[in-house]
Amino acid sequence: MRADRLYQVLLAPLVSEKSTMVADKHRQFVFKVLGDASKPEIKRAVELAFKVEVESVQVSNMRGKVKRSGRTPGMRSNWKKAYVRLKEGHDIDFSGGMAQ
């Protein structure tokens, strides 16, 4: 896989109450990723971006919600969420930016 593709796989970290609890309890971090990204791509992208070792990756396809704007119905885009479990002794600090 090319490095430029790996840098595009991770779209954003998802920081919420649920993702914080998962991070504390299971050493998992949650990311919004490209819809066509595979588990091996996500693993390599996290290892490349944050200089950590990844133990496993779980993905979840999130369906977009149906919303209305007045009388006009619409739908938000579908997206993919990845739960990335790190090996023992590794951690990602989002407040300090990417590791070097």
N, C-alpha and C. Protein backbone atom coordinates (compact mmCIF):
# COMPACT_ATOMS: atom_id res chain seq x y z
N MET A 1 0.83 -1.18 0.00
CA MET A 1 0.00 0.00 0.00
C MET A 1 0.87 1.25 0.00
N ARG A 2 0.41 2.25 -0.71
CA ARG A 2 1.16 3.49 -0.78
C ARG A 2 0.92 4.33 0.46
N ALA A 3 1.94 5.10 0.84
CA ALA A 3 1.86 5.92 2.04
C ALA A 3 0.82 7.02 1.90
N ASP A 4 0.65 7.58 0.69
CA ASP A 4 -0.33 8.65 0.54
C ASP A 4 -1.76 8.14 0.74
N ARG A 5 -2.03 6.91 0.35
CA ARG A 5 -3.35 6.31 0.61
C ARG A 5 -3.56 6.12 2.11
N LEU A 6 -2.51 5.67 2.82
CA LEU A 6 -2.63 5.42 4.26
C LEU A 6 -2.89 6.72 5.02
N TYR A 7 -2.32 7.82 4.56
CA TYR A 7 -2.56 9.10 5.24
C TYR A 7 -3.98 9.60 5.01
N GLN A 8 -4.68 9.10 4.00
CA GLN A 8 -6.05 9.52 3.73
C GLN A 8 -7.09 8.63 4.40
N VAL A 9 -6.69 7.46 4.91
CA VAL A 9 -7.65 6.50 5.48
C VAL A 9 -8.30 7.05 6.73
N LEU A 10 -7.52 7.62 7.65
CA LEU A 10 -8.06 8.16 8.89
C LEU A 10 -8.60 9.56 8.64
N LEU A 11 -9.90 9.75 8.87
CA LEU A 11 -10.51 11.06 8.65
C LEU A 11 -10.49 11.91 9.92
N ALA A 12 -10.84 11.31 11.07
CA ALA A 12 -10.88 12.07 12.32
C ALA A 12 -11.02 11.11 13.49
N PRO A 13 -10.46 11.49 14.65
CA PRO A 13 -10.72 10.71 15.85
C PRO A 13 -12.12 11.06 16.36
N LEU A 14 -12.81 10.08 16.90
CA LEU A 14 -14.13 10.32 17.49
C LEU A 14 -13.97 10.37 19.00
N VAL A 15 -14.14 11.55 19.56
CA VAL A 15 -14.00 11.72 20.99
C VAL A 15 -15.38 11.98 21.57
N SER A 16 -15.87 11.02 22.34
CA SER A 16 -17.17 11.14 22.98
C SER A 16 -17.08 10.44 24.33
N GLU A 17 -18.16 10.45 25.06
CA GLU A 17 -18.18 9.78 26.36
C GLU A 17 -17.98 8.28 26.17
N LYS A 18 -18.63 7.70 25.18
CA LYS A 18 -18.50 6.27 24.92
C LYS A 18 -17.08 5.91 24.50
N SER A 19 -16.49 6.68 23.58
CA SER A 19 -15.14 6.35 23.12
C SER A 19 -14.11 6.54 24.23
N THR A 20 -14.33 7.48 25.13
CA THR A 20 -13.42 7.66 26.27
C THR A 20 -13.49 6.48 27.22
N MET A 21 -14.70 5.96 27.46
CA MET A 21 -14.84 4.79 28.33
C MET A 21 -14.19 3.57 27.70
N VAL A 22 -14.35 3.40 26.40
CA VAL A 22 -13.75 2.27 25.69
C VAL A 22 -12.22 2.37 25.74
N ALA A 23 -11.70 3.58 25.61
CA ALA A 23 -10.24 3.77 25.65
C ALA A 23 -9.69 3.42 27.03
N ASP A 24 -10.37 3.83 28.08
CA ASP A 24 -9.90 3.55 29.43
C ASP A 24 -9.98 2.07 29.77
N LYS A 25 -11.05 1.42 29.35
CA LYS A 25 -11.30 0.04 29.76
C LYS A 25 -10.59 -0.99 28.88
N HIS A 26 -10.53 -0.75 27.55
CA HIS A 26 -10.05 -1.78 26.63
C HIS A 26 -8.86 -1.35 25.77
N ARG A 27 -8.27 -0.19 26.03
CA ARG A 27 -7.16 0.33 25.21
C ARG A 27 -7.56 0.47 23.75
N GLN A 28 -8.81 0.86 23.48
CA GLN A 28 -9.30 1.04 22.12
C GLN A 28 -9.52 2.52 21.84
N PHE A 29 -9.21 2.92 20.62
CA PHE A 29 -9.45 4.28 20.18
C PHE A 29 -10.37 4.22 18.97
N VAL A 30 -11.23 5.23 18.83
CA VAL A 30 -12.26 5.22 17.80
C VAL A 30 -11.94 6.29 16.77
N PHE A 31 -12.01 5.91 15.48
CA PHE A 31 -11.72 6.82 14.39
C PHE A 31 -12.82 6.76 13.35
N LYS A 32 -13.07 7.89 12.69
CA LYS A 32 -13.90 7.92 11.50
C LYS A 32 -12.95 7.66 10.34
N VAL A 33 -13.28 6.67 9.49
CA VAL A 33 -12.38 6.27 8.42
C VAL A 33 -13.11 6.31 7.08
N LEU A 34 -12.35 6.18 5.99
CA LEU A 34 -12.94 6.13 4.66
C LEU A 34 -13.89 4.94 4.55
N GLY A 35 -14.92 5.10 3.76
CA GLY A 35 -15.92 4.05 3.61
C GLY A 35 -15.40 2.79 2.95
N ASP A 36 -14.35 2.90 2.13
CA ASP A 36 -13.81 1.73 1.45
C ASP A 36 -12.52 1.21 2.09
N ALA A 37 -12.20 1.69 3.29
CA ALA A 37 -10.97 1.26 3.97
C ALA A 37 -11.14 -0.14 4.56
N SER A 38 -10.10 -0.95 4.44
CA SER A 38 -10.13 -2.30 4.99
C SER A 38 -9.42 -2.32 6.35
N LYS A 39 -9.59 -3.41 7.08
CA LYS A 39 -8.95 -3.52 8.39
C LYS A 39 -7.43 -3.43 8.31
N PRO A 40 -6.77 -4.13 7.36
CA PRO A 40 -5.31 -3.99 7.27
C PRO A 40 -4.86 -2.56 6.94
N GLU A 41 -5.62 -1.86 6.11
CA GLU A 41 -5.29 -0.48 5.80
C GLU A 41 -5.41 0.41 7.02
N ILE A 42 -6.47 0.22 7.80
CA ILE A 42 -6.67 1.02 9.01
C ILE A 42 -5.55 0.75 10.00
N LYS A 43 -5.17 -0.51 10.15
CA LYS A 43 -4.09 -0.87 11.07
C LYS A 43 -2.79 -0.18 10.68
N ARG A 44 -2.43 -0.27 9.40
CA ARG A 44 -1.18 0.34 8.94
C ARG A 44 -1.24 1.87 9.04
N ALA A 45 -2.40 2.46 8.79
CA ALA A 45 -2.54 3.91 8.86
C ALA A 45 -2.34 4.42 10.29
N VAL A 46 -2.91 3.72 11.27
CA VAL A 46 -2.75 4.13 12.67
C VAL A 46 -1.30 3.95 13.11
N GLU A 47 -0.68 2.83 12.72
CA GLU A 47 0.72 2.60 13.08
C GLU A 47 1.63 3.64 12.45
N LEU A 48 1.35 4.05 11.23
CA LEU A 48 2.16 5.04 10.54
C LEU A 48 1.97 6.44 11.14
N ALA A 49 0.73 6.81 11.41
CA ALA A 49 0.43 8.17 11.88
C ALA A 49 0.85 8.41 13.32
N PHE A 50 0.67 7.41 14.19
CA PHE A 50 0.89 7.62 15.62
C PHE A 50 2.08 6.87 16.19
N LYS A 51 2.80 6.10 15.37
CA LYS A 51 3.99 5.34 15.82
C LYS A 51 3.67 4.44 17.01
N VAL A 52 2.59 3.66 16.88
CA VAL A 52 2.17 2.70 17.90
C VAL A 52 2.00 1.34 17.25
N GLU A 53 1.83 0.29 18.06
CA GLU A 53 1.55 -1.05 17.54
C GLU A 53 0.09 -1.37 17.78
N VAL A 54 -0.59 -1.83 16.74
CA VAL A 54 -2.02 -2.12 16.81
C VAL A 54 -2.20 -3.63 16.99
N GLU A 55 -3.05 -3.98 17.95
CA GLU A 55 -3.35 -5.39 18.20
C GLU A 55 -4.48 -5.88 17.31
N SER A 56 -5.58 -5.11 17.22
CA SER A 56 -6.71 -5.53 16.40
C SER A 56 -7.53 -4.33 15.97
N VAL A 57 -8.37 -4.55 14.95
CA VAL A 57 -9.24 -3.50 14.43
C VAL A 57 -10.63 -4.09 14.25
N GLN A 58 -11.64 -3.36 14.73
CA GLN A 58 -13.03 -3.72 14.49
C GLN A 58 -13.68 -2.55 13.78
N VAL A 59 -14.49 -2.83 12.76
CA VAL A 59 -15.13 -1.75 12.02
C VAL A 59 -16.65 -1.87 12.13
N SER A 60 -17.30 -0.72 12.00
CA SER A 60 -18.75 -0.66 12.06
C SER A 60 -19.22 0.33 10.99
N ASN A 61 -20.12 -0.12 10.13
CA ASN A 61 -20.70 0.76 9.12
C ASN A 61 -21.89 1.48 9.73
N MET A 62 -21.82 2.81 9.77
CA MET A 62 -22.86 3.61 10.38
C MET A 62 -23.77 4.15 9.27
N ARG A 63 -25.06 3.90 9.40
CA ARG A 63 -26.02 4.39 8.41
C ARG A 63 -26.36 5.84 8.70
N GLY A 64 -26.48 6.62 7.65
CA GLY A 64 -26.85 8.03 7.80
C GLY A 64 -28.29 8.18 8.26
N LYS A 65 -28.53 9.17 9.07
CA LYS A 65 -29.87 9.41 9.59
C LYS A 65 -30.74 10.11 8.54
N VAL A 66 -32.02 9.81 8.58
CA VAL A 66 -32.98 10.50 7.73
C VAL A 66 -33.38 11.79 8.44
N LYS A 67 -33.20 12.90 7.76
CA LYS A 67 -33.52 14.21 8.34
C LYS A 67 -34.43 14.97 7.39
N ARG A 68 -35.12 15.97 7.93
CA ARG A 68 -36.01 16.79 7.13
C ARG A 68 -35.57 18.25 7.25
N SER A 69 -35.76 18.97 6.17
CA SER A 69 -35.58 20.41 6.18
C SER A 69 -36.89 21.00 5.68
N GLY A 70 -37.76 21.31 6.61
CA GLY A 70 -39.12 21.73 6.25
C GLY A 70 -39.89 20.55 5.72
N ARG A 71 -40.39 20.65 4.48
CA ARG A 71 -41.14 19.55 3.87
C ARG A 71 -40.25 18.61 3.08
N THR A 72 -38.99 19.00 2.88
CA THR A 72 -38.09 18.22 2.03
C THR A 72 -37.35 17.16 2.84
N PRO A 73 -37.55 15.88 2.54
CA PRO A 73 -36.80 14.85 3.26
C PRO A 73 -35.38 14.75 2.69
N GLY A 74 -34.46 14.39 3.55
CA GLY A 74 -33.08 14.21 3.14
C GLY A 74 -32.43 13.13 3.98
N MET A 75 -31.19 12.84 3.67
CA MET A 75 -30.48 11.80 4.42
C MET A 75 -29.02 12.18 4.55
N ARG A 76 -28.47 11.99 5.73
CA ARG A 76 -27.05 12.21 5.94
C ARG A 76 -26.27 11.05 5.31
N SER A 77 -25.01 11.27 5.06
CA SER A 77 -24.17 10.26 4.42
C SER A 77 -23.88 9.09 5.35
N ASN A 78 -23.75 7.90 4.76
CA ASN A 78 -23.27 6.74 5.51
C ASN A 78 -21.78 6.92 5.74
N TRP A 79 -21.25 6.34 6.85
CA TRP A 79 -19.84 6.45 7.16
C TRP A 79 -19.37 5.23 7.92
N LYS A 80 -18.07 5.08 8.07
CA LYS A 80 -17.49 3.91 8.72
C LYS A 80 -16.71 4.34 9.96
N LYS A 81 -16.89 3.56 11.03
CA LYS A 81 -16.21 3.81 12.30
C LYS A 81 -15.29 2.63 12.59
N ALA A 82 -14.08 2.92 13.08
CA ALA A 82 -13.11 1.86 13.38
C ALA A 82 -12.71 1.94 14.85
N TYR A 83 -12.79 0.79 15.53
CA TYR A 83 -12.30 0.65 16.90
C TYR A 83 -10.93 -0.01 16.81
N VAL A 84 -9.89 0.70 17.23
CA VAL A 84 -8.52 0.22 17.10
C VAL A 84 -7.99 -0.09 18.50
N ARG A 85 -7.63 -1.37 18.73
CA ARG A 85 -7.07 -1.79 20.02
C ARG A 85 -5.55 -1.79 19.91
N LEU A 86 -4.91 -1.09 20.85
CA LEU A 86 -3.46 -1.00 20.86
C LEU A 86 -2.85 -2.09 21.73
N LYS A 87 -1.62 -2.45 21.41
CA LYS A 87 -0.90 -3.43 22.22
C LYS A 87 -0.54 -2.81 23.57
N GLU A 88 -0.28 -3.66 24.53
CA GLU A 88 0.06 -3.23 25.89
C GLU A 88 1.26 -2.30 25.86
N GLY A 89 1.16 -1.19 26.60
CA GLY A 89 2.27 -0.25 26.69
C GLY A 89 2.23 0.86 25.65
N HIS A 90 1.27 0.85 24.73
CA HIS A 90 1.16 1.88 23.71
C HIS A 90 -0.05 2.75 24.00
N ASP A 91 0.05 4.04 23.65
CA ASP A 91 -1.04 4.97 23.91
C ASP A 91 -0.99 6.09 22.88
N ILE A 92 -2.14 6.69 22.61
CA ILE A 92 -2.25 7.82 21.70
C ILE A 92 -2.71 9.01 22.51
N ASP A 93 -1.98 10.11 22.40
CA ASP A 93 -2.34 11.34 23.09
C ASP A 93 -2.82 12.36 22.06
N PHE A 94 -4.13 12.57 21.98
CA PHE A 94 -4.68 13.48 20.98
C PHE A 94 -4.42 14.93 21.32
N SER A 95 -4.22 15.25 22.57
CA SER A 95 -4.01 16.65 22.94
C SER A 95 -2.62 17.14 22.52
N GLY A 96 -1.66 16.23 22.41
CA GLY A 96 -0.31 16.64 22.05
C GLY A 96 0.00 16.51 20.59
N GLY A 97 -0.94 16.09 19.77
CA GLY A 97 -0.69 15.93 18.34
C GLY A 97 -0.11 14.56 18.04
N MET A 98 0.43 14.41 16.84
CA MET A 98 0.97 13.12 16.42
C MET A 98 2.34 12.89 17.03
N ALA A 99 2.62 11.62 17.32
CA ALA A 99 3.91 11.24 17.90
C ALA A 99 5.00 11.36 16.84
N GLN A 100 6.22 11.55 17.30
CA GLN A 100 7.34 11.65 16.35
C GLN A 100 8.27 10.52 16.51
